[in-house]
Protein backbone atom coordinates (compact mmCIF):
# COMPACT_ATOMS: atom_id res chain seq x y z
CA MET A 1 72.77 105.65 72.17
CA SER A 2 75.84 105.75 69.84
CA LEU A 3 77.19 102.63 68.25
CA THR A 4 80.80 102.76 67.24
CA LEU A 5 82.81 100.09 65.89
CA THR A 6 86.37 100.53 66.20
CA THR A 7 88.82 97.84 64.70
CA PRO A 8 92.11 99.16 65.40
CA ASP A 9 93.93 95.69 64.34
CA VAL A 10 92.22 96.19 60.81
CA GLU A 11 94.12 97.61 58.05
CA THR A 12 91.99 98.80 55.44
CA PRO A 13 94.78 98.56 52.94
CA SER A 14 95.14 95.13 53.26
CA LEU A 15 92.23 94.56 51.06
CA ALA A 16 92.51 94.68 47.43
CA PRO A 17 90.18 97.10 45.64
CA ARG A 18 87.92 94.41 43.98
CA GLU A 19 87.80 92.78 47.76
CA ARG A 20 86.60 96.20 48.90
CA GLU A 21 84.19 96.01 46.27
CA THR A 22 82.79 92.61 47.09
CA LEU A 23 82.52 93.28 50.49
CA ARG A 24 80.52 96.30 49.70
CA HIS A 25 77.94 94.38 47.83
CA ILE A 26 77.70 91.47 50.11
CA ALA A 27 77.17 94.09 53.06
CA ALA A 28 74.57 95.84 51.10
CA GLY A 29 72.70 92.32 51.19
CA ARG A 30 73.27 90.98 47.67
CA THR A 31 73.71 87.52 47.30
CA TYR A 32 76.86 85.96 45.53
CA VAL A 33 75.11 85.66 42.19
CA GLN A 34 73.72 89.24 42.26
CA THR A 35 77.43 90.40 43.24
CA ALA A 36 78.92 88.49 40.52
CA ARG A 37 76.62 89.65 37.69
CA HIS A 38 77.10 93.36 39.01
CA MET A 39 80.82 92.99 38.78
CA GLY A 40 81.21 90.87 36.01
CA LEU A 41 82.52 87.89 37.56
CA SER A 42 81.37 84.32 38.19
CA LYS A 43 80.12 83.41 41.93
CA HIS A 44 83.06 81.05 42.34
CA THR A 45 85.61 84.24 42.11
CA VAL A 46 83.09 86.19 44.41
CA ASP A 47 83.31 83.11 46.64
CA ALA A 48 86.97 83.24 46.65
CA TYR A 49 87.26 86.88 47.23
CA LEU A 50 85.13 86.45 50.47
CA ARG A 51 87.40 83.63 51.37
CA ARG A 52 90.11 85.74 51.06
CA ILE A 53 88.86 88.71 53.19
CA ARG A 54 87.84 86.21 56.10
CA ALA A 55 91.40 84.60 56.08
CA LYS A 56 93.13 88.17 56.27
CA LEU A 57 91.06 89.63 58.89
CA ASP A 58 90.24 86.44 60.57
CA ILE A 59 86.49 86.73 59.95
CA ASN A 60 83.74 83.86 60.19
CA THR A 61 80.32 85.14 59.54
CA THR A 62 78.56 87.34 56.96
CA ALA A 63 77.53 89.45 60.04
CA GLU A 64 81.03 90.07 61.00
CA LEU A 65 81.79 90.84 57.27
CA THR A 66 79.22 93.41 57.42
CA ARG A 67 80.10 94.92 60.37
CA LEU A 68 83.47 95.52 59.14
CA ALA A 69 82.05 97.08 55.86
CA ILE A 70 80.17 99.40 58.19
CA SER A 71 83.22 100.38 60.40
CA LEU A 72 85.26 100.83 57.00
CA GLY A 73 82.73 103.01 55.48
CA LEU A 74 81.87 100.84 52.76
């Protein structure tokens, strides 16, 4: 069985590079604090990036964020 996620309404370029990087870390299972340390940011900045991603792409859960990251090849 092949699981293919298609998200034709999601435009990859709409995410800023740091938002994409943040999404990649969260999808890999890192916490906000771990992501912040790795990226040299505060956890509040990581939270802001994730809030922007959720708002831009109408995503509500971490599971949806993870599915998006997988579909984008992050």
